[in-house]
Amino acid sequence: MIDPSQRLWRAVHANDTLLVQRIVKAHPKLIHNPDTSPAGLSNSNLHLAASMGHVDVARVLVSLGHEEPTPALNENHQTALALAAANGHTNVVHFLAERFPECILRRDSKGRDSIMEASRGGHDTVLQLLLTYVPDGHEAAVRNADIDGNTALHFASSNGNLLVLRTLLAAGADAERRNAWSWTAIAYSATVQAEVYLRGLVAETERRRRAASDVSDTKKGGAVRLVEEVGGAD
């Protein structure tokens, strides 16, 4: 007879939500069921489901208490959300980001968060979802850096992910930010075309910000009414 933990892994692989639910209810201690094989990285059931894009299995596992009291981490300190973001699984990211927004900026052993993973993989829709649910606003989130000083913009540029570059700059990414080796995201451009595109985006973003600032200054100036002195008797 197959060991319950193995049957559970197979059920998650097969995206069999009913079987996953049945096994976990019969064996509550297998709710996490970390993969202890040499290449398994101690990934839990939810890590596996998230990495494969099995959102219904992810929902079942969460409903059974998989992320209580805190989100599960693998040996690289990655959350299930980080794996879903890295693999571009939009539905899983949407579910986990909405349910556990505090995981969006959770750092792994390399200092990378889910926004960096999505940017590295070129998953623009995933990135936009993460920026929608990230706590405390997107501008600070896109300026975070890993232990080497690389931001999400560095990862997007080095992999030539043009749509992601546009999204990050619109969200407030700093194109002049330098990593531990004093390289900017532009210097990391994957191709000459990507470098030209990024430089154009940076210039365009700067023009828009200046225009918005000028409009704001004009409105403030227009709100001030200057009253001239009316001459009277000396």
C-alpha atoms as a PDB file:
ATOM      1  CA  MET A   1       0.000   0.000   0.000  1.00  0.00           C
ATOM      2  CA  ILE A   2       1.309   3.471  -0.918  1.00  0.00           C
ATOM      3  CA  ASP A   3       2.346   5.676   1.990  1.00  0.00           C
ATOM      4  CA  PRO A   4      -0.247   8.462   2.663  1.00  0.00           C
ATOM      5  CA  SER A   5       2.360  11.192   2.220  1.00  0.00           C
ATOM      6  CA  GLN A   6       3.211   9.847  -1.243  1.00  0.00           C
ATOM      7  CA  ARG A   7      -0.458   9.574  -2.169  1.00  0.00           C
ATOM      8  CA  LEU A   8      -0.942  13.156  -1.081  1.00  0.00           C
ATOM      9  CA  TRP A   9       1.938  14.388  -3.239  1.00  0.00           C
ATOM     10  CA  ARG A  10       0.504  12.500  -6.203  1.00  0.00           C
ATOM     11  CA  ALA A  11      -2.929  14.004  -5.576  1.00  0.00           C
ATOM     12  CA  VAL A  12      -1.478  17.522  -5.527  1.00  0.00           C
ATOM     13  CA  HIS A  13       0.445  16.777  -8.740  1.00  0.00           C
ATOM     14  CA  ALA A  14      -2.740  15.481 -10.359  1.00  0.00           C
ATOM     15  CA  ASN A  15      -4.721  18.546  -9.218  1.00  0.00           C
ATOM     16  CA  ASP A  16      -7.206  16.206  -7.518  1.00  0.00           C
ATOM     17  CA  THR A  17      -8.825  18.483  -4.945  1.00  0.00           C
ATOM     18  CA  LEU A  18     -11.232  15.868  -3.552  1.00  0.00           C
ATOM     19  CA  LEU A  19      -8.467  13.365  -2.931  1.00  0.00           C
ATOM     20  CA  VAL A  20      -6.232  16.025  -1.363  1.00  0.00           C
ATOM     21  CA  GLN A  21      -9.043  16.999   0.978  1.00  0.00           C
ATOM     22  CA  ARG A  22      -9.827  13.392   1.875  1.00  0.00           C
ATOM     23  CA  ILE A  23      -6.202  12.471   2.655  1.00  0.00           C
ATOM     24  CA  VAL A  24      -5.531  15.576   4.748  1.00  0.00           C
ATOM     25  CA  LYS A  25      -8.710  15.101   6.758  1.00  0.00           C
ATOM     26  CA  ALA A  26      -7.760  11.484   7.410  1.00  0.00           C
ATOM     27  CA  HIS A  27      -4.148  12.428   8.217  1.00  0.00           C
ATOM     28  CA  PRO A  28      -4.156  15.991   9.642  1.00  0.00           C
ATOM     29  CA  LYS A  29      -0.418  15.856  10.367  1.00  0.00           C
ATOM     30  CA  LEU A  30       0.213  15.743   6.621  1.00  0.00           C
ATOM     31  CA  ILE A  31      -1.196  19.232   6.064  1.00  0.00           C
ATOM     32  CA  HIS A  32       2.327  20.481   5.230  1.00  0.00           C
ATOM     33  CA  ASN A  33       3.959  17.197   4.154  1.00  0.00           C
ATOM     34  CA  PRO A  34       7.407  18.727   3.353  1.00  0.00           C
ATOM     35  CA  ASP A  35       9.389  17.101   0.568  1.00  0.00           C
ATOM     36  CA  THR A  36      12.578  15.928   2.257  1.00  0.00           C
ATOM     37  CA  SER A  37      14.180  14.488  -0.883  1.00  0.00           C
ATOM     38  CA  PRO A  38      17.550  16.022  -1.919  1.00  0.00           C
ATOM     39  CA  ALA A  39      15.922  18.240  -4.533  1.00  0.00           C
ATOM     40  CA  GLY A  40      12.703  18.817  -2.610  1.00  0.00           C
ATOM     41  CA  LEU A  41      13.834  21.894  -0.633  1.00  0.00           C
ATOM     42  CA  SER A  42      11.241  20.902   1.999  1.00  0.00           C
ATOM     43  CA  ASN A  43       8.501  22.307  -0.209  1.00  0.00           C
ATOM     44  CA  SER A  44       5.093  21.834   1.366  1.00  0.00           C
ATOM     45  CA  ASN A  45       1.845  20.766  -0.298  1.00  0.00           C
ATOM     46  CA  LEU A  46       0.978  24.412  -0.918  1.00  0.00           C
ATOM     47  CA  HIS A  47       4.415  25.169  -2.357  1.00  0.00           C
ATOM     48  CA  LEU A  48       3.921  22.358  -4.850  1.00  0.00           C
ATOM     49  CA  ALA A  49       0.371  23.392  -5.755  1.00  0.00           C
ATOM     50  CA  ALA A  50       1.431  27.030  -6.178  1.00  0.00           C
ATOM     51  CA  SER A  51       4.438  26.176  -8.339  1.00  0.00           C
ATOM     52  CA  MET A  52       2.188  24.122 -10.632  1.00  0.00           C
ATOM     53  CA  GLY A  53      -0.646  26.666 -10.806  1.00  0.00           C
ATOM     54  CA  HIS A  54      -3.232  24.443  -9.112  1.00  0.00           C
ATOM     55  CA  VAL A  55      -5.390  27.145  -7.549  1.00  0.00           C
ATOM     56  CA  ASP A  56      -8.243  24.847  -6.461  1.00  0.00           C
ATOM     57  CA  VAL A  57      -5.840  22.630  -4.521  1.00  0.00           C
ATOM     58  CA  ALA A  58      -4.319  25.763  -2.998  1.00  0.00           C
ATOM     59  CA  ARG A  59      -7.762  26.894  -1.847  1.00  0.00           C
ATOM     60  CA  VAL A  60      -8.450  23.516  -0.235  1.00  0.00           C
ATOM     61  CA  LEU A  61      -5.117  23.458   1.584  1.00  0.00           C
ATOM     62  CA  VAL A  62      -5.584  26.989   2.903  1.00  0.00           C
ATOM     63  CA  SER A  63      -9.133  26.183   4.035  1.00  0.00           C
ATOM     64  CA  LEU A  64      -7.727  23.217   5.977  1.00  0.00           C
ATOM     65  CA  GLY A  65      -5.277  25.478   7.827  1.00  0.00           C
ATOM     66  CA  HIS A  66      -2.082  25.098   5.804  1.00  0.00           C
ATOM     67  CA  GLU A  67      -0.919  28.689   6.461  1.00  0.00           C
ATOM     68  CA  GLU A  68      -1.828  28.784  10.155  1.00  0.00           C
ATOM     69  CA  PRO A  69      -0.427  30.268  12.289  1.00  0.00           C
ATOM     70  CA  THR A  70       2.188  31.562   9.834  1.00  0.00           C
ATOM     71  CA  PRO A  71       2.934  30.970   6.131  1.00  0.00           C
ATOM     72  CA  ALA A  72       5.020  27.874   5.388  1.00  0.00           C
ATOM     73  CA  LEU A  73       8.579  28.432   4.170  1.00  0.00           C
ATOM     74  CA  ASN A  74      10.838  26.041   2.278  1.00  0.00           C
ATOM     75  CA  GLU A  75      14.594  25.661   2.806  1.00  0.00           C
ATOM     76  CA  ASN A  76      15.195  28.843   0.786  1.00  0.00           C
ATOM     77  CA  HIS A  77      12.728  30.711   3.010  1.00  0.00           C
ATOM     78  CA  GLN A  78      10.345  31.085   0.071  1.00  0.00           C
ATOM     79  CA  THR A  79       6.597  31.278   0.469  1.00  0.00           C
ATOM     80  CA  ALA A  80       4.124  29.530  -1.809  1.00  0.00           C
ATOM     81  CA  LEU A  81       3.255  32.963  -3.209  1.00  0.00           C
ATOM     82  CA  ALA A  82       6.873  33.528  -4.247  1.00  0.00           C
ATOM     83  CA  LEU A  83       6.896  30.253  -6.195  1.00  0.00           C
ATOM     84  CA  ALA A  84       3.585  31.086  -7.884  1.00  0.00           C
ATOM     85  CA  ALA A  85       4.916  34.534  -8.833  1.00  0.00           C
ATOM     86  CA  ALA A  86       8.171  33.106 -10.185  1.00  0.00           C
ATOM     87  CA  ASN A  87       6.238  30.687 -12.391  1.00  0.00           C
ATOM     88  CA  GLY A  88       3.666  33.225 -13.575  1.00  0.00           C
ATOM     89  CA  HIS A  89       0.570  31.475 -12.214  1.00  0.00           C
ATOM     90  CA  THR A  90      -1.877  34.377 -12.201  1.00  0.00           C
ATOM     91  CA  ASN A  91      -4.833  32.668 -10.510  1.00  0.00           C
ATOM     92  CA  VAL A  92      -2.764  31.303  -7.629  1.00  0.00           C
ATOM     93  CA  VAL A  93      -1.027  34.662  -7.156  1.00  0.00           C
ATOM     94  CA  HIS A  94      -4.385  36.443  -7.119  1.00  0.00           C
ATOM     95  CA  PHE A  95      -5.749  34.080  -4.475  1.00  0.00           C
ATOM     96  CA  LEU A  96      -2.685  34.104  -2.215  1.00  0.00           C
ATOM     97  CA  ALA A  97      -1.931  37.834  -2.559  1.00  0.00           C
ATOM     98  CA  GLU A  98      -5.507  38.731  -1.693  1.00  0.00           C
ATOM     99  CA  ARG A  99      -5.611  36.274   1.219  1.00  0.00           C
ATOM    100  CA  PHE A 100      -2.073  36.836   2.538  1.00  0.00           C
ATOM    101  CA  PRO A 101      -0.887  40.291   1.376  1.00  0.00           C
ATOM    102  CA  GLU A 102       1.787  40.294   4.062  1.00  0.00           C
ATOM    103  CA  CYS A 103       3.586  37.553   2.094  1.00  0.00           C
ATOM    104  CA  ILE A 104       4.131  39.773  -0.950  1.00  0.00           C
ATOM    105  CA  LEU A 105       7.206  41.467   0.517  1.00  0.00           C
ATOM    106  CA  ARG A 106       8.410  38.439   2.491  1.00  0.00           C
ATOM    107  CA  ARG A 107      12.132  37.991   1.709  1.00  0.00           C
ATOM    108  CA  ASP A 108      13.784  34.650   0.945  1.00  0.00           C
ATOM    109  CA  SER A 109      17.368  33.661   1.788  1.00  0.00           C
ATOM    110  CA  LYS A 110      18.641  35.844  -1.092  1.00  0.00           C
ATOM    111  CA  GLY A 111      16.583  38.831  -0.012  1.00  0.00           C
ATOM    112  CA  ARG A 112      14.146  38.494  -2.895  1.00  0.00           C
ATOM    113  CA  ASP A 113      10.399  39.020  -2.604  1.00  0.00           C
ATOM    114  CA  SER A 114       7.483  38.049  -4.844  1.00  0.00           C
ATOM    115  CA  ILE A 115       7.643  41.314  -6.799  1.00  0.00           C
ATOM    116  CA  MET A 116      11.261  40.624  -7.724  1.00  0.00           C
ATOM    117  CA  GLU A 117      10.395  37.049  -8.718  1.00  0.00           C
ATOM    118  CA  ALA A 118       7.568  38.175 -10.991  1.00  0.00           C
ATOM    119  CA  SER A 119       9.813  40.836 -12.538  1.00  0.00           C
ATOM    120  CA  ARG A 120      12.627  38.343 -13.099  1.00  0.00           C
ATOM    121  CA  GLY A 121      10.263  35.971 -14.870  1.00  0.00           C
ATOM    122  CA  GLY A 122       8.631  38.671 -17.005  1.00  0.00           C
ATOM    123  CA  HIS A 123       5.139  38.036 -15.611  1.00  0.00           C
ATOM    124  CA  ASP A 124       3.541  41.454 -15.999  1.00  0.00           C
ATOM    125  CA  THR A 125      -0.031  40.491 -15.036  1.00  0.00           C
ATOM    126  CA  VAL A 126       1.270  38.784 -11.898  1.00  0.00           C
ATOM    127  CA  LEU A 127       3.326  41.877 -11.082  1.00  0.00           C
ATOM    128  CA  GLN A 128       0.297  44.130 -11.423  1.00  0.00           C
ATOM    129  CA  LEU A 129      -1.691  41.902  -9.077  1.00  0.00           C
ATOM    130  CA  LEU A 130       1.071  42.003  -6.492  1.00  0.00           C
ATOM    131  CA  LEU A 131       1.285  45.786  -6.733  1.00  0.00           C
ATOM    132  CA  THR A 132      -2.484  45.991  -6.269  1.00  0.00           C
ATOM    133  CA  TYR A 133      -2.464  44.059  -2.997  1.00  0.00           C
ATOM    134  CA  VAL A 134       0.919  45.029  -1.554  1.00  0.00           C
ATOM    135  CA  PRO A 135       0.566  46.678   1.872  1.00  0.00           C
ATOM    136  CA  ASP A 136       1.594  50.320   2.308  1.00  0.00           C
ATOM    137  CA  GLY A 137       1.636  51.186  -1.382  1.00  0.00           C
ATOM    138  CA  HIS A 138       3.524  50.140  -4.479  1.00  0.00           C
ATOM    139  CA  GLU A 139       6.150  52.893  -4.722  1.00  0.00           C
ATOM    140  CA  ALA A 140       8.165  51.708  -1.729  1.00  0.00           C
ATOM    141  CA  ALA A 141       7.653  48.054  -2.738  1.00  0.00           C
ATOM    142  CA  VAL A 142       9.283  48.409  -6.167  1.00  0.00           C
ATOM    143  CA  ARG A 143      12.332  50.074  -4.606  1.00  0.00           C
ATOM    144  CA  ASN A 144      13.228  47.148  -2.362  1.00  0.00           C
ATOM    145  CA  ALA A 145      16.526  45.395  -3.098  1.00  0.00           C
ATOM    146  CA  ASP A 146      17.914  41.908  -2.470  1.00  0.00           C
ATOM    147  CA  ILE A 147      21.144  41.165  -0.588  1.00  0.00           C
ATOM    148  CA  ASP A 148      23.155  42.126  -3.698  1.00  0.00           C
ATOM    149  CA  GLY A 149      21.356  45.447  -4.041  1.00  0.00           C
ATOM    150  CA  ASN A 150      19.341  44.362  -7.081  1.00  0.00           C
ATOM    151  CA  THR A 151      15.821  45.775  -7.378  1.00  0.00           C
ATOM    152  CA  ALA A 152      12.904  44.417  -9.373  1.00  0.00           C
ATOM    153  CA  LEU A 153      13.951  46.804 -12.153  1.00  0.00           C
ATOM    154  CA  HIS A 154      17.418  45.210 -12.268  1.00  0.00           C
ATOM    155  CA  PHE A 155      15.845  41.774 -12.699  1.00  0.00           C
ATOM    156  CA  ALA A 156      13.417  42.930 -15.382  1.00  0.00           C
ATOM    157  CA  SER A 157      16.152  44.739 -17.309  1.00  0.00           C
ATOM    158  CA  SER A 158      18.661  41.885 -17.176  1.00  0.00           C
ATOM    159  CA  ASN A 159      16.043  39.529 -18.590  1.00  0.00           C
ATOM    160  CA  GLY A 160      14.700  41.935 -21.232  1.00  0.00           C
ATOM    161  CA  ASN A 161      11.161  41.993 -19.828  1.00  0.00           C
ATOM    162  CA  LEU A 162       9.882  45.140 -21.521  1.00  0.00           C
ATOM    163  CA  LEU A 163       6.279  45.177 -20.262  1.00  0.00           C
ATOM    164  CA  VAL A 164       7.507  44.667 -16.713  1.00  0.00           C
ATOM    165  CA  LEU A 165       9.926  47.585 -17.103  1.00  0.00           C
ATOM    166  CA  ARG A 166       7.060  49.878 -18.020  1.00  0.00           C
ATOM    167  CA  THR A 167       4.924  48.690 -15.098  1.00  0.00           C
ATOM    168  CA  LEU A 168       7.743  49.106 -12.587  1.00  0.00           C
ATOM    169  CA  LEU A 169       8.620  52.623 -13.736  1.00  0.00           C
ATOM    170  CA  ALA A 170       4.961  53.644 -13.650  1.00  0.00           C
ATOM    171  CA  ALA A 171       4.827  52.315 -10.077  1.00  0.00           C
ATOM    172  CA  GLY A 172       7.772  54.482  -9.041  1.00  0.00           C
ATOM    173  CA  ALA A 173      10.875  52.316  -9.550  1.00  0.00           C
ATOM    174  CA  ASP A 174      14.170  54.205  -9.364  1.00  0.00           C
ATOM    175  CA  ALA A 175      16.139  53.762 -12.595  1.00  0.00           C
ATOM    176  CA  GLU A 176      19.237  55.357 -11.028  1.00  0.00           C
ATOM    177  CA  ARG A 177      19.410  52.900  -8.114  1.00  0.00           C
ATOM    178  CA  ARG A 178      22.730  51.059  -8.048  1.00  0.00           C
ATOM    179  CA  ASN A 179      23.365  47.546  -6.774  1.00  0.00           C
ATOM    180  CA  ALA A 180      26.324  46.320  -4.707  1.00  0.00           C
ATOM    181  CA  TRP A 181      28.579  46.578  -7.780  1.00  0.00           C
ATOM    182  CA  SER A 182      27.376  50.103  -8.639  1.00  0.00           C
ATOM    183  CA  TRP A 183      25.399  48.914 -11.671  1.00  0.00           C
ATOM    184  CA  THR A 184      22.075  50.509 -12.565  1.00  0.00           C
ATOM    185  CA  ALA A 185      19.189  48.602 -14.143  1.00  0.00           C
ATOM    186  CA  ILE A 186      19.990  50.229 -17.498  1.00  0.00           C
ATOM    187  CA  ALA A 187      23.548  48.882 -17.337  1.00  0.00           C
ATOM    188  CA  TYR A 188      22.081  45.396 -16.897  1.00  0.00           C
ATOM    189  CA  SER A 189      19.965  45.575 -20.068  1.00  0.00           C
ATOM    190  CA  ALA A 190      19.781  42.177 -21.765  1.00  0.00           C
ATOM    191  CA  THR A 191      20.110  43.638 -25.263  1.00  0.00           C
ATOM    192  CA  VAL A 192      20.874  46.960 -26.946  1.00  0.00           C
ATOM    193  CA  GLN A 193      17.198  47.186 -27.894  1.00  0.00           C
ATOM    194  CA  ALA A 194      16.179  46.694 -24.264  1.00  0.00           C
ATOM    195  CA  GLU A 195      18.620  49.399 -23.169  1.00  0.00           C
ATOM    196  CA  VAL A 196      17.250  51.866 -25.723  1.00  0.00           C
ATOM    197  CA  TYR A 197      13.695  50.990 -24.705  1.00  0.00           C
ATOM    198  CA  LEU A 198      14.438  51.443 -20.997  1.00  0.00           C
ATOM    199  CA  ARG A 199      16.196  54.759 -21.549  1.00  0.00           C
ATOM    200  CA  GLY A 200      13.175  55.933 -23.511  1.00  0.00           C
ATOM    201  CA  LEU A 201      10.838  54.825 -20.726  1.00  0.00           C
ATOM    202  CA  VAL A 202      12.907  56.625 -18.110  1.00  0.00           C
ATOM    203  CA  ALA A 203      12.865  59.839 -20.160  1.00  0.00           C
ATOM    204  CA  GLU A 204       9.124  59.506 -20.756  1.00  0.00           C
ATOM    205  CA  THR A 205       8.425  58.896 -17.074  1.00  0.00           C
ATOM    206  CA  GLU A 206      10.514  61.890 -16.073  1.00  0.00           C
ATOM    207  CA  ARG A 207       8.663  64.140 -18.567  1.00  0.00           C
ATOM    208  CA  ARG A 208       5.311  63.027 -17.166  1.00  0.00           C
ATOM    209  CA  ARG A 209       6.399  63.659 -13.598  1.00  0.00           C
ATOM    210  CA  ARG A 210       7.643  67.134 -14.474  1.00  0.00           C
ATOM    211  CA  ALA A 211       4.413  67.895 -16.319  1.00  0.00           C
ATOM    212  CA  ALA A 212       2.356  66.706 -13.349  1.00  0.00           C
ATOM    213  CA  SER A 213       4.513  68.824 -11.020  1.00  0.00           C
ATOM    214  CA  ASP A 214       4.074  71.895 -13.244  1.00  0.00           C
ATOM    215  CA  VAL A 215       0.301  71.426 -13.277  1.00  0.00           C
ATOM    216  CA  SER A 216       0.277  71.080  -9.496  1.00  0.00           C
ATOM    217  CA  ASP A 217       2.351  74.265  -9.088  1.00  0.00           C
ATOM    218  CA  THR A 218       0.054  76.121 -11.475  1.00  0.00           C
ATOM    219  CA  LYS A 219      -3.029  75.099  -9.509  1.00  0.00           C
ATOM    220  CA  LYS A 220      -1.407  76.181  -6.260  1.00  0.00           C
ATOM    221  CA  GLY A 221      -0.443  79.492  -7.774  1.00  0.00           C
ATOM    222  CA  GLY A 222      -3.926  79.993  -9.182  1.00  0.00           C
ATOM    223  CA  ALA A 223      -5.418  79.536  -5.760  1.00  0.00           C
ATOM    224  CA  VAL A 224      -3.639  82.634  -4.444  1.00  0.00           C
ATOM    225  CA  ARG A 225      -5.489  85.909  -5.013  1.00  0.00           C
ATOM    226  CA  LEU A 226      -3.257  88.943  -5.099  1.00  0.00           C
ATOM    227  CA  VAL A 227      -4.934  92.056  -3.725  1.00  0.00           C
ATOM    228  CA  GLU A 228      -3.464  95.334  -4.850  1.00  0.00           C
ATOM    229  CA  GLU A 229      -3.482  98.248  -2.507  1.00  0.00           C
ATOM    230  CA  VAL A 230      -6.083 100.810  -3.362  1.00  0.00           C
ATOM    231  CA  GLY A 231      -4.725 104.272  -3.116  1.00  0.00           C
ATOM    232  CA  GLY A 232      -6.385 106.438  -0.463  1.00  0.00           C
ATOM    233  CA  ALA A 233      -5.923 109.822   1.205  1.00  0.00           C
ATOM    234  CA  ASP A 234      -2.441 110.521   2.553  1.00  0.00           C
END
